[in-house]
Structure formats: structure tokens, C-alpha cells
C-alpha atoms as a PDB file:
ATOM      1  CA  UNK A   1     -43.874  50.730  22.177  1.00  0.00           C
ATOM      2  CA  UNK A   2     -40.145  51.338  22.548  1.00  0.00           C
ATOM      3  CA  UNK A   3     -38.362  53.347  25.202  1.00  0.00           C
ATOM      4  CA  UNK A   4     -35.806  55.983  24.296  1.00  0.00           C
ATOM      5  CA  UNK A   5     -33.055  53.726  25.687  1.00  0.00           C
ATOM      6  CA  UNK A   6     -34.164  50.842  23.482  1.00  0.00           C
ATOM      7  CA  UNK A   7     -34.180  53.107  20.437  1.00  0.00           C
ATOM      8  CA  UNK A   8     -30.697  54.313  21.350  1.00  0.00           C
ATOM      9  CA  UNK A   9     -29.412  50.734  21.640  1.00  0.00           C
ATOM     10  CA  UNK A  10     -30.988  49.643  18.357  1.00  0.00           C
ATOM     11  CA  UNK A  11     -29.530  52.670  16.565  1.00  0.00           C
ATOM     12  CA  UNK A  12     -26.058  51.978  17.986  1.00  0.00           C
ATOM     13  CA  UNK A  13     -26.170  48.372  16.756  1.00  0.00           C
ATOM     14  CA  UNK A  14     -27.267  49.477  13.290  1.00  0.00           C
ATOM     15  CA  UNK A  15     -24.444  52.032  13.118  1.00  0.00           C
ATOM     16  CA  UNK A  16     -21.635  49.856  14.482  1.00  0.00           C
ATOM     17  CA  UNK A  17     -22.882  46.594  12.891  1.00  0.00           C
ATOM     18  CA  UNK A  18     -22.011  44.564  16.026  1.00  0.00           C
ATOM     19  CA  UNK A  19     -23.248  44.207  19.604  1.00  0.00           C
ATOM     20  CA  UNK A  20     -19.723  44.688  20.918  1.00  0.00           C
ATOM     21  CA  UNK A  21     -19.301  47.888  18.935  1.00  0.00           C
ATOM     22  CA  UNK A  22     -22.650  49.197  20.164  1.00  0.00           C
ATOM     23  CA  UNK A  23     -21.679  48.374  23.744  1.00  0.00           C
ATOM     24  CA  UNK A  24     -18.465  50.396  23.392  1.00  0.00           C
ATOM     25  CA  UNK A  25     -20.360  53.258  21.748  1.00  0.00           C
ATOM     26  CA  UNK A  26     -22.883  53.403  24.605  1.00  0.00           C
ATOM     27  CA  UNK A  27     -20.466  52.538  27.408  1.00  0.00           C
ATOM     28  CA  UNK A  28     -22.443  49.509  28.555  1.00  0.00           C
ATOM     29  CA  UNK A  29     -21.928  45.771  28.852  1.00  0.00           C
ATOM     30  CA  UNK A  30     -22.333  43.474  25.875  1.00  0.00           C
ATOM     31  CA  UNK A  31     -24.490  40.865  27.696  1.00  0.00           C
ATOM     32  CA  UNK A  32     -26.876  43.543  28.958  1.00  0.00           C
ATOM     33  CA  UNK A  33     -27.200  45.005  25.502  1.00  0.00           C
ATOM     34  CA  UNK A  34     -27.890  41.564  23.980  1.00  0.00           C
ATOM     35  CA  UNK A  35     -30.648  40.972  26.526  1.00  0.00           C
ATOM     36  CA  UNK A  36     -32.154  44.361  25.699  1.00  0.00           C
ATOM     37  CA  UNK A  37     -32.200  43.517  21.977  1.00  0.00           C
ATOM     38  CA  UNK A  38     -33.946  40.213  22.662  1.00  0.00           C
ATOM     39  CA  UNK A  39     -36.497  42.004  24.839  1.00  0.00           C
ATOM     40  CA  UNK A  40     -37.117  44.546  22.060  1.00  0.00           C
ATOM     41  CA  UNK A  41     -37.812  41.782  19.541  1.00  0.00           C
ATOM     42  CA  UNK A  42     -40.285  40.187  21.973  1.00  0.00           C
ATOM     43  CA  UNK A  43     -42.136  43.475  22.365  1.00  0.00           C
ATOM     44  CA  UNK A  44     -42.127  44.258  18.650  1.00  0.00           C
ATOM     45  CA  UNK A  45     -43.154  40.706  17.662  1.00  0.00           C
ATOM     46  CA  UNK A  46     -40.749  40.608  14.739  1.00  0.00           C
ATOM     47  CA  UNK A  47     -37.012  39.915  14.330  1.00  0.00           C
ATOM     48  CA  UNK A  48     -34.634  42.829  14.048  1.00  0.00           C
ATOM     49  CA  UNK A  49     -31.531  40.838  13.147  1.00  0.00           C
ATOM     50  CA  UNK A  50     -30.607  37.488  11.660  1.00  0.00           C
ATOM     51  CA  UNK A  51     -27.638  35.962  13.433  1.00  0.00           C
ATOM     52  CA  UNK A  52     -25.310  34.523  10.797  1.00  0.00           C
ATOM     53  CA  UNK A  53     -21.818  33.230  11.659  1.00  0.00           C
ATOM     54  CA  UNK A  54     -21.699  35.377  14.749  1.00  0.00           C
ATOM     55  CA  UNK A  55     -22.742  38.527  12.884  1.00  0.00           C
ATOM     56  CA  UNK A  56     -25.961  40.527  13.047  1.00  0.00           C
ATOM     57  CA  UNK A  57     -27.655  41.047   9.693  1.00  0.00           C
ATOM     58  CA  UNK A  58     -30.520  43.595   9.841  1.00  0.00           C
ATOM     59  CA  UNK A  59     -33.885  42.381   8.587  1.00  0.00           C
ATOM     60  CA  UNK A  60     -35.982  44.444   6.185  1.00  0.00           C
ATOM     61  CA  UNK A  61     -38.117  45.478   9.159  1.00  0.00           C
ATOM     62  CA  UNK A  62     -35.019  46.671  11.020  1.00  0.00           C
ATOM     63  CA  UNK A  63     -33.878  48.757   8.052  1.00  0.00           C
ATOM     64  CA  UNK A  64     -37.307  50.391   7.757  1.00  0.00           C
ATOM     65  CA  UNK A  65     -37.350  51.097  11.504  1.00  0.00           C
ATOM     66  CA  UNK A  66     -33.826  52.542  11.385  1.00  0.00           C
ATOM     67  CA  UNK A  67     -34.779  54.923   8.579  1.00  0.00           C
ATOM     68  CA  UNK A  68     -37.649  56.324  10.664  1.00  0.00           C
ATOM     69  CA  UNK A  69     -35.457  56.568  13.764  1.00  0.00           C
ATOM     70  CA  UNK A  70     -32.868  58.587  11.819  1.00  0.00           C
ATOM     71  CA  UNK A  71     -35.603  61.096  10.952  1.00  0.00           C
ATOM     72  CA  UNK A  72     -36.390  61.401  14.653  1.00  0.00           C
ATOM     73  CA  UNK A  73     -32.730  61.907  15.585  1.00  0.00           C
ATOM     74  CA  UNK A  74     -32.372  64.602  12.920  1.00  0.00           C
ATOM     75  CA  UNK A  75     -35.370  66.358  14.463  1.00  0.00           C
ATOM     76  CA  UNK A  76     -33.753  66.125  17.897  1.00  0.00           C
ATOM     77  CA  UNK A  77     -30.508  67.564  16.500  1.00  0.00           C
ATOM     78  CA  UNK A  78     -32.450  70.435  14.913  1.00  0.00           C
ATOM     79  CA  UNK A  79     -34.239  71.052  18.193  1.00  0.00           C
ATOM     80  CA  UNK A  80     -30.921  71.081  20.045  1.00  0.00           C
ATOM     81  CA  UNK A  81     -29.600  73.686  17.612  1.00  0.00           C
ATOM     82  CA  UNK A  82     -32.599  75.942  18.295  1.00  0.00           C
ATOM     83  CA  UNK A  83     -32.275  75.477  22.070  1.00  0.00           C
ATOM     84  CA  UNK A  84     -28.563  76.363  22.005  1.00  0.00           C
ATOM     85  CA  UNK A  85     -29.258  79.460  19.928  1.00  0.00           C
ATOM     86  CA  UNK A  86     -31.992  80.601  22.304  1.00  0.00           C
ATOM     87  CA  UNK A  87     -29.747  79.987  25.313  1.00  0.00           C
ATOM     88  CA  UNK A  88     -27.101  82.307  23.842  1.00  0.00           C
ATOM     89  CA  UNK A  89     -29.598  85.165  23.662  1.00  0.00           C
ATOM     90  CA  UNK A  90     -29.702  87.995  21.191  1.00  0.00           C
ATOM     91  CA  UNK A  91     -26.371  88.789  19.571  1.00  0.00           C
ATOM     92  CA  UNK A  92     -24.962  91.091  16.951  1.00  0.00           C
ATOM     93  CA  UNK A  93     -24.311  88.388  14.382  1.00  0.00           C
ATOM     94  CA  UNK A  94     -26.207  88.873  11.129  1.00  0.00           C
ATOM     95  CA  UNK A  95     -26.663  85.596   9.248  1.00  0.00           C
ATOM     96  CA  UNK A  96     -27.222  85.578   5.501  1.00  0.00           C
ATOM     97  CA  UNK A  97     -27.361  82.672   3.058  1.00  0.00           C
ATOM     98  CA  UNK A  98     -27.599  82.669  -0.709  1.00  0.00           C
ATOM     99  CA  UNK A  99     -27.613  80.646  -3.895  1.00  0.00           C
ATOM    100  CA  UNK A 100     -24.066  80.037  -5.208  1.00  0.00           C
ATOM    101  CA  UNK A 101     -24.245  82.370  -8.220  1.00  0.00           C
ATOM    102  CA  UNK A 102     -25.539  85.252  -6.065  1.00  0.00           C
ATOM    103  CA  UNK A 103     -23.121  84.532  -3.232  1.00  0.00           C
ATOM    104  CA  UNK A 104     -20.140  84.712  -5.565  1.00  0.00           C
ATOM    105  CA  UNK A 105     -21.248  87.921  -7.281  1.00  0.00           C
ATOM    106  CA  UNK A 106     -23.690  90.457  -5.807  1.00  0.00           C
ATOM    107  CA  UNK A 107     -24.149  89.433  -2.156  1.00  0.00           C
ATOM    108  CA  UNK A 108     -20.612  90.569  -1.199  1.00  0.00           C
ATOM    109  CA  UNK A 109     -21.535  94.028  -2.561  1.00  0.00           C
ATOM    110  CA  UNK A 110     -24.650  94.065  -0.384  1.00  0.00           C
ATOM    111  CA  UNK A 111     -22.820  93.022   2.758  1.00  0.00           C
ATOM    112  CA  UNK A 112     -19.998  95.519   2.139  1.00  0.00           C
ATOM    113  CA  UNK A 113     -22.550  98.333   1.980  1.00  0.00           C
ATOM    114  CA  UNK A 114     -24.234  97.028   5.138  1.00  0.00           C
ATOM    115  CA  UNK A 115     -20.913  97.087   7.000  1.00  0.00           C
ATOM    116  CA  UNK A 116     -20.419 100.720   6.053  1.00  0.00           C
ATOM    117  CA  UNK A 117     -23.584 101.485   8.038  1.00  0.00           C
ATOM    118  CA  UNK A 118     -22.837  98.987  10.828  1.00  0.00           C
ATOM    119  CA  UNK A 119     -19.018  98.676  11.103  1.00  0.00           C
ATOM    120  CA  UNK A 120     -19.188  96.677  14.366  1.00  0.00           C
ATOM    121  CA  UNK A 121     -21.496  94.052  12.914  1.00  0.00           C
ATOM    122  CA  UNK A 122     -20.371  90.407  12.872  1.00  0.00           C
ATOM    123  CA  UNK A 123     -21.423  88.542   9.741  1.00  0.00           C
ATOM    124  CA  UNK A 124     -22.059  84.893   9.010  1.00  0.00           C
ATOM    125  CA  UNK A 125     -22.448  84.011   5.334  1.00  0.00           C
ATOM    126  CA  UNK A 126     -23.522  80.628   3.948  1.00  0.00           C
ATOM    127  CA  UNK A 127     -23.908  79.201   0.453  1.00  0.00           C
ATOM    128  CA  UNK A 128     -27.210  77.311   0.253  1.00  0.00           C
ATOM    129  CA  UNK A 129     -28.559  74.586  -1.997  1.00  0.00           C
ATOM    130  CA  UNK A 130     -32.260  74.392  -2.860  1.00  0.00           C
ATOM    131  CA  UNK A 131     -32.668  71.630  -0.265  1.00  0.00           C
ATOM    132  CA  UNK A 132     -31.004  73.631   2.521  1.00  0.00           C
ATOM    133  CA  UNK A 133     -32.797  76.977   2.155  1.00  0.00           C
ATOM    134  CA  UNK A 134     -36.059  76.019   3.903  1.00  0.00           C
ATOM    135  CA  UNK A 135     -34.472  74.690   7.105  1.00  0.00           C
ATOM    136  CA  UNK A 136     -31.930  77.515   7.094  1.00  0.00           C
ATOM    137  CA  UNK A 137     -34.698  80.047   7.714  1.00  0.00           C
ATOM    138  CA  UNK A 138     -37.357  77.910   9.401  1.00  0.00           C
ATOM    139  CA  UNK A 139     -34.914  76.725  12.080  1.00  0.00           C
ATOM    140  CA  UNK A 140     -33.468  80.248  12.398  1.00  0.00           C
ATOM    141  CA  UNK A 141     -29.989  79.248  11.352  1.00  0.00           C
ATOM    142  CA  UNK A 142     -30.021  82.370   9.225  1.00  0.00           C
ATOM    143  CA  UNK A 143     -31.817  85.703   9.219  1.00  0.00           C
ATOM    144  CA  UNK A 144     -32.134  86.160   5.450  1.00  0.00           C
ATOM    145  CA  UNK A 145     -31.653  84.155   2.274  1.00  0.00           C
ATOM    146  CA  UNK A 146     -31.107  85.505  -1.235  1.00  0.00           C
ATOM    147  CA  UNK A 147     -31.936  82.843  -3.777  1.00  0.00           C
ATOM    148  CA  UNK A 148     -32.891  82.311  -7.410  1.00  0.00           C
ATOM    149  CA  UNK A 149     -36.014  80.434  -6.289  1.00  0.00           C
ATOM    150  CA  UNK A 150     -38.779  81.119  -3.737  1.00  0.00           C
ATOM    151  CA  UNK A 151     -38.371  79.260  -0.447  1.00  0.00           C
ATOM    152  CA  UNK A 152     -41.271  76.830  -0.022  1.00  0.00           C
ATOM    153  CA  UNK A 153     -42.154  76.885   3.680  1.00  0.00           C
ATOM    154  CA  UNK A 154     -45.326  78.141   5.445  1.00  0.00           C
ATOM    155  CA  UNK A 155     -43.311  80.294   7.880  1.00  0.00           C
ATOM    156  CA  UNK A 156     -41.083  81.872   5.233  1.00  0.00           C
ATOM    157  CA  UNK A 157     -41.912  84.956   3.187  1.00  0.00           C
ATOM    158  CA  UNK A 158     -40.169  85.134  -0.199  1.00  0.00           C
ATOM    159  CA  UNK A 159     -40.316  88.417  -2.111  1.00  0.00           C
ATOM    160  CA  UNK A 160     -39.045  88.867  -5.648  1.00  0.00           C
ATOM    161  CA  UNK A 161     -36.678  91.845  -5.676  1.00  0.00           C
ATOM    162  CA  UNK A 162     -34.972  91.593  -9.038  1.00  0.00           C
ATOM    163  CA  UNK A 163     -33.821  89.302 -11.799  1.00  0.00           C
ATOM    164  CA  UNK A 164     -30.920  88.235 -13.915  1.00  0.00           C
ATOM    165  CA  UNK A 165     -30.921  86.747 -17.395  1.00  0.00           C
ATOM    166  CA  UNK A 166     -29.515  83.709 -19.099  1.00  0.00           C
ATOM    167  CA  UNK A 167     -26.390  84.078 -21.236  1.00  0.00           C
ATOM    168  CA  UNK A 168     -24.387  81.718 -23.414  1.00  0.00           C
ATOM    169  CA  UNK A 169     -20.842  80.919 -22.256  1.00  0.00           C
ATOM    170  CA  UNK A 170     -18.518  79.929 -25.111  1.00  0.00           C
ATOM    171  CA  UNK A 171     -14.739  79.402 -25.342  1.00  0.00           C
ATOM    172  CA  UNK A 172     -12.838  82.517 -26.401  1.00  0.00           C
ATOM    173  CA  UNK A 173     -11.865  80.860 -29.700  1.00  0.00           C
ATOM    174  CA  UNK A 174     -15.391  79.595 -30.475  1.00  0.00           C
ATOM    175  CA  UNK A 175     -16.927  80.332 -33.884  1.00  0.00           C
ATOM    176  CA  UNK A 176     -19.558  82.534 -32.171  1.00  0.00           C
ATOM    177  CA  UNK A 177     -17.173  84.334 -29.802  1.00  0.00           C
ATOM    178  CA  UNK A 178     -17.157  87.493 -31.899  1.00  0.00           C
ATOM    179  CA  UNK A 179     -20.935  87.827 -31.875  1.00  0.00           C
ATOM    180  CA  UNK A 180     -22.735  90.124 -29.428  1.00  0.00           C
ATOM    181  CA  UNK A 181     -26.138  88.417 -29.639  1.00  0.00           C
ATOM    182  CA  UNK A 182     -27.223  84.942 -30.643  1.00  0.00           C
ATOM    183  CA  UNK A 183     -30.298  82.717 -30.767  1.00  0.00           C
ATOM    184  CA  UNK A 184     -30.793  79.149 -29.628  1.00  0.00           C
ATOM    185  CA  UNK A 185     -30.770  78.128 -33.284  1.00  0.00           C
ATOM    186  CA  UNK A 186     -27.177  79.401 -33.517  1.00  0.00           C
ATOM    187  CA  UNK A 187     -25.990  76.833 -30.975  1.00  0.00           C
ATOM    188  CA  UNK A 188     -27.878  73.887 -32.427  1.00  0.00           C
ATOM    189  CA  UNK A 189     -25.587  70.837 -32.518  1.00  0.00           C
ATOM    190  CA  UNK A 190     -23.149  72.177 -29.894  1.00  0.00           C
ATOM    191  CA  UNK A 191     -22.068  70.169 -26.853  1.00  0.00           C
ATOM    192  CA  UNK A 192     -24.076  71.833 -24.078  1.00  0.00           C
ATOM    193  CA  UNK A 193     -23.324  71.784 -20.365  1.00  0.00           C
ATOM    194  CA  UNK A 194     -26.651  72.208 -18.580  1.00  0.00           C
ATOM    195  CA  UNK A 195     -28.795  71.437 -15.534  1.00  0.00           C
ATOM    196  CA  UNK A 196     -31.426  68.898 -14.614  1.00  0.00           C
ATOM    197  CA  UNK A 197     -34.937  70.061 -15.492  1.00  0.00           C
ATOM    198  CA  UNK A 198     -36.062  70.076 -11.835  1.00  0.00           C
ATOM    199  CA  UNK A 199     -33.545  72.802 -10.859  1.00  0.00           C
ATOM    200  CA  UNK A 200     -34.117  76.588 -11.050  1.00  0.00           C
ATOM    201  CA  UNK A 201     -31.676  77.029 -13.944  1.00  0.00           C
ATOM    202  CA  UNK A 202     -32.893  73.878 -15.669  1.00  0.00           C
ATOM    203  CA  UNK A 203     -36.530  74.981 -15.640  1.00  0.00           C
ATOM    204  CA  UNK A 204     -35.703  78.358 -17.199  1.00  0.00           C
ATOM    205  CA  UNK A 205     -33.536  76.797 -19.909  1.00  0.00           C
ATOM    206  CA  UNK A 206     -36.240  74.239 -20.709  1.00  0.00           C
ATOM    207  CA  UNK A 207     -38.778  77.053 -21.020  1.00  0.00           C
ATOM    208  CA  UNK A 208     -36.468  78.992 -23.377  1.00  0.00           C
ATOM    209  CA  UNK A 209     -36.135  75.991 -25.652  1.00  0.00           C
ATOM    210  CA  UNK A 210     -39.862  75.229 -25.576  1.00  0.00           C
ATOM    211  CA  UNK A 211     -40.834  78.808 -26.424  1.00  0.00           C
ATOM    212  CA  UNK A 212     -38.426  78.941 -29.361  1.00  0.00           C
ATOM    213  CA  UNK A 213     -39.289  75.497 -30.684  1.00  0.00           C
ATOM    214  CA  UNK A 214     -35.779  74.152 -30.233  1.00  0.00           C
ATOM    215  CA  UNK A 215     -34.731  70.799 -28.796  1.00  0.00           C
ATOM    216  CA  UNK A 216     -32.262  70.766 -25.898  1.00  0.00           C
ATOM    217  CA  UNK A 217     -29.605  68.059 -26.181  1.00  0.00           C
ATOM    218  CA  UNK A 218     -27.467  68.019 -23.031  1.00  0.00           C
ATOM    219  CA  UNK A 219     -23.943  66.628 -23.239  1.00  0.00           C
ATOM    220  CA  UNK A 220     -22.999  67.089 -19.583  1.00  0.00           C
ATOM    221  CA  UNK A 221     -25.220  67.687 -16.558  1.00  0.00           C
ATOM    222  CA  UNK A 222     -23.835  69.917 -13.808  1.00  0.00           C
ATOM    223  CA  UNK A 223     -25.173  71.181 -10.498  1.00  0.00           C
ATOM    224  CA  UNK A 224     -23.566  74.627 -10.366  1.00  0.00           C
ATOM    225  CA  UNK A 225     -23.223  77.305 -13.046  1.00  0.00           C
ATOM    226  CA  UNK A 226     -19.607  77.903 -11.985  1.00  0.00           C
ATOM    227  CA  UNK A 227     -18.857  74.281 -12.876  1.00  0.00           C
ATOM    228  CA  UNK A 228     -20.430  74.728 -16.303  1.00  0.00           C
ATOM    229  CA  UNK A 229     -18.227  77.772 -17.006  1.00  0.00           C
ATOM    230  CA  UNK A 230     -15.116  75.838 -15.940  1.00  0.00           C
ATOM    231  CA  UNK A 231     -16.030  73.067 -18.357  1.00  0.00           C
ATOM    232  CA  UNK A 232     -16.458  75.644 -21.142  1.00  0.00           C
ATOM    233  CA  UNK A 233     -13.044  77.122 -20.330  1.00  0.00           C
ATOM    234  CA  UNK A 234     -11.549  73.648 -20.707  1.00  0.00           C
ATOM    235  CA  UNK A 235     -13.001  73.064 -24.146  1.00  0.00           C
ATOM    236  CA  UNK A 236     -15.867  70.760 -23.187  1.00  0.00           C
ATOM    237  CA  UNK A 237     -18.501  72.709 -25.097  1.00  0.00           C
ATOM    238  CA  UNK A 238     -20.746  75.663 -24.309  1.00  0.00           C
ATOM    239  CA  UNK A 239     -23.221  76.427 -21.520  1.00  0.00           C
ATOM    240  CA  UNK A 240     -26.286  78.483 -20.693  1.00  0.00           C
ATOM    241  CA  UNK A 241     -25.603  80.267 -17.410  1.00  0.00           C
ATOM    242  CA  UNK A 242     -27.002  83.239 -15.509  1.00  0.00           C
ATOM    243  CA  UNK A 243     -25.706  86.792 -15.694  1.00  0.00           C
ATOM    244  CA  UNK A 244     -24.648  86.689 -12.017  1.00  0.00           C
ATOM    245  CA  UNK A 245     -22.243  83.856 -12.764  1.00  0.00           C
ATOM    246  CA  UNK A 246     -20.914  85.869 -15.707  1.00  0.00           C
ATOM    247  CA  UNK A 247     -20.049  88.722 -13.311  1.00  0.00           C
ATOM    248  CA  UNK A 248     -17.437  86.551 -11.619  1.00  0.00           C
ATOM    249  CA  UNK A 249     -13.816  86.543 -12.763  1.00  0.00           C
ATOM    250  CA  UNK A 250     -13.281  83.953 -15.501  1.00  0.00           C
ATOM    251  CA  UNK A 251     -10.188  85.336 -17.184  1.00  0.00           C
ATOM    252  CA  UNK A 252      -9.983  85.494 -20.965  1.00  0.00           C
ATOM    253  CA  UNK A 253     -10.877  81.873 -21.664  1.00  0.00           C
ATOM    254  CA  UNK A 254     -14.657  82.382 -21.839  1.00  0.00           C
ATOM    255  CA  UNK A 255     -16.948  84.832 -23.607  1.00  0.00           C
ATOM    256  CA  UNK A 256     -20.537  85.495 -22.503  1.00  0.00           C
ATOM    257  CA  UNK A 257     -23.008  86.190 -25.295  1.00  0.00           C
ATOM    258  CA  UNK A 258     -26.457  87.734 -25.026  1.00  0.00           C
ATOM    259  CA  UNK A 259     -29.525  85.923 -26.322  1.00  0.00           C
ATOM    260  CA  UNK A 260     -32.077  87.714 -28.482  1.00  0.00           C
ATOM    261  CA  UNK A 261     -34.761  86.243 -26.208  1.00  0.00           C
ATOM    262  CA  UNK A 262     -33.067  85.453 -22.881  1.00  0.00           C
ATOM    263  CA  UNK A 263     -34.699  83.508 -20.102  1.00  0.00           C
ATOM    264  CA  UNK A 264     -35.237  85.464 -16.896  1.00  0.00           C
ATOM    265  CA  UNK A 265     -33.763  84.248 -13.597  1.00  0.00           C
ATOM    266  CA  UNK A 266     -35.686  85.796 -10.665  1.00  0.00           C
ATOM    267  CA  UNK A 267     -34.007  86.788  -7.395  1.00  0.00           C
ATOM    268  CA  UNK A 268     -35.862  86.422  -4.081  1.00  0.00           C
ATOM    269  CA  UNK A 269     -35.148  87.701  -0.599  1.00  0.00           C
ATOM    270  CA  UNK A 270     -36.638  85.506   2.125  1.00  0.00           C
ATOM    271  CA  UNK A 271     -37.021  85.582   5.900  1.00  0.00           C
ATOM    272  CA  UNK A 272     -38.868  83.737   8.645  1.00  0.00           C
ATOM    273  CA  UNK A 273     -42.090  85.629   9.365  1.00  0.00           C
ATOM    274  CA  UNK A 274     -42.599  84.210  12.865  1.00  0.00           C
ATOM    275  CA  UNK A 275     -39.066  85.077  14.002  1.00  0.00           C
ATOM    276  CA  UNK A 276     -38.207  88.546  15.238  1.00  0.00           C
ATOM    277  CA  UNK A 277     -36.675  90.489  12.362  1.00  0.00           C
ATOM    278  CA  UNK A 278     -33.136  91.736  13.148  1.00  0.00           C
ATOM    279  CA  UNK A 279     -32.943  95.463  13.781  1.00  0.00           C
ATOM    280  CA  UNK A 280     -30.837  95.910  10.648  1.00  0.00           C
ATOM    281  CA  UNK A 281     -33.100  93.709   8.524  1.00  0.00           C
ATOM    282  CA  UNK A 282     -34.960  96.568   6.892  1.00  0.00           C
ATOM    283  CA  UNK A 283     -31.676  98.251   5.972  1.00  0.00           C
ATOM    284  CA  UNK A 284     -30.376  95.049   4.429  1.00  0.00           C
ATOM    285  CA  UNK A 285     -33.545  94.602   2.378  1.00  0.00           C
ATOM    286  CA  UNK A 286     -33.230  98.149   1.024  1.00  0.00           C
ATOM    287  CA  UNK A 287     -29.571  97.575   0.116  1.00  0.00           C
ATOM    288  CA  UNK A 288     -30.373  94.278  -1.613  1.00  0.00           C
ATOM    289  CA  UNK A 289     -33.076  95.897  -3.746  1.00  0.00           C
ATOM    290  CA  UNK A 290     -30.819  98.833  -4.586  1.00  0.00           C
ATOM    291  CA  UNK A 291     -27.905  96.643  -5.699  1.00  0.00           C
ATOM    292  CA  UNK A 292     -30.146  94.615  -8.004  1.00  0.00           C
ATOM    293  CA  UNK A 293     -31.824  97.720  -9.394  1.00  0.00           C
ATOM    294  CA  UNK A 294     -28.524  99.326 -10.386  1.00  0.00           C
ATOM    295  CA  UNK A 295     -26.762  96.320 -11.898  1.00  0.00           C
ATOM    296  CA  UNK A 296     -25.110  97.117 -15.231  1.00  0.00           C
ATOM    297  CA  UNK A 297     -26.842  95.522 -18.184  1.00  0.00           C
ATOM    298  CA  UNK A 298     -23.745  94.660 -20.181  1.00  0.00           C
END
């Protein structure tokens, strides 16, 4: 029902909050834009704005329409990204993304080994959240992703290539700091820094507690394991984090203790199956598997 120009005008008004601001944004006249808005409301058969004291206040219908239009504009931006990438042609840039704990620990080892085989290779490396990983591969922003969760997209193949384990991070002066191994019962009553239950780390921790019949009482919720370790170092309690995070440099302020029955954190390598695999892709996959296979246990 609406033309692209009408959608553009409506979006500009919603963003700038005024007709004059929208006119400046679009480089058009204010009277012409006002007439276009009135024509849009006639065609739609509902009001888009209430005019109060010279200001435009979006109606509920306008807000709902704007939300849908923003989805469309995001799709157009994604399409533009793909078009620009195709226009540039094949290049020698190898794009890899990863979960934060992997990106700050083992992925640099993998890429260093890859560069020994391909010294002229240009790399692009990105840290990815759970929400970003699907689009990263599906829209071909990256060639590979190494994550602690499988990427849920019909065009993406995720293969489990290894695993880490959950450890307990405690301050260096903690009552348990001298222990090598502990149980969940040993940390009962401690202030625990942990993750929401709908995250990869959170699900594994919840499973550990359920299997051992313990109740998890979270004092502070965090998004990243590195944040949890920083909180531990500053005396805010203890945390359950993965062994990849423990590999990073944390000084002498934190000790990492093994659990008698640790939760397992899987590692996946993922790529877009309908995109041409980079010529070095097979080499990278072999390196990634090798690095995970030969990780030290302690």
C-alpha cells in the first residue's frame, strides 16, 4: 500500500520527531513532506500522528508500523553488505569469529599456526555473541566461527571438535584456595558470580547443580566469564568459569580449582555450507582440531 518514498518519509519523521527535522534529513521541503504524510494517512485509513502543541506524537499504530519498517531496513542493510562483498570479488582475507573465552585463549594459537603455513594471508578476527553468530556466517561476514554452542541456522554446519570443562575461580586467599579439587557442596553458601540459565555457560552450570542435587544461589549475574573472574579478583565472591577463560592471564589474585564432577563445555567449528569454502578452510579446520586435542589438562 505504501511506496518506498512514503516509507522513507515516515521513517525520517519517526527518527527526527519533527517534520522539519525529517525534511532536513531527506533534503526536501517541509510543506511537501507534510502533504505526503497526510496522503499516507488517507491511504492507510488510520492516523499516524497526533498533533499536540505543534508536535507530532506517534500513535500506537505508527509505532507498530515503524518497528516492522526497521526490520525491513535492517534486511536492506544486510543485503547491501552482501552486494558490496560480492562486488569486491574473491580476496585473500580469512575471516574468523569466536566466542569470547575461545577468542582470548586458543584461537590466537590456531591463527598463528595458520599464518606459518600462509604468511601472506590477511586475517580478520571478530568476537561474537550468541545472537551475532548466525548472521555472521549466513550473511558471509565471516568464513568460520569457533563457539561454545552450535550455530542454529539451516545453512550453517556446526561440528563439535573438542571441549573444555568448568572450573571454580576463587580469590587467592580463599579458604579453598589450597585445594586441588572440590565439589559443589564445598562452595555451598558462597557468593557466586554466574550466568543466566538461557546462556551456554548457564545451562551447563544448571545441569551440574541438578545432577549433584545442589541448589544454585546466584549473587551476581554476568554476561562474560572474563567479567566473573575480574569480580572474583576484586573480592566479590567466587565463580564457575570455563577452562579456556582460566588459560588467560589473571595474575596471582585468582586460583582455579578442579571439580570432582566438572561440567563439559563443548567447542564447535561452524561454516556456511552454501558458500564456497576458502581454499585454506580445510587447513584451518585441521589446525583447530589439533589445538583442542593437545590442550594441557592442568
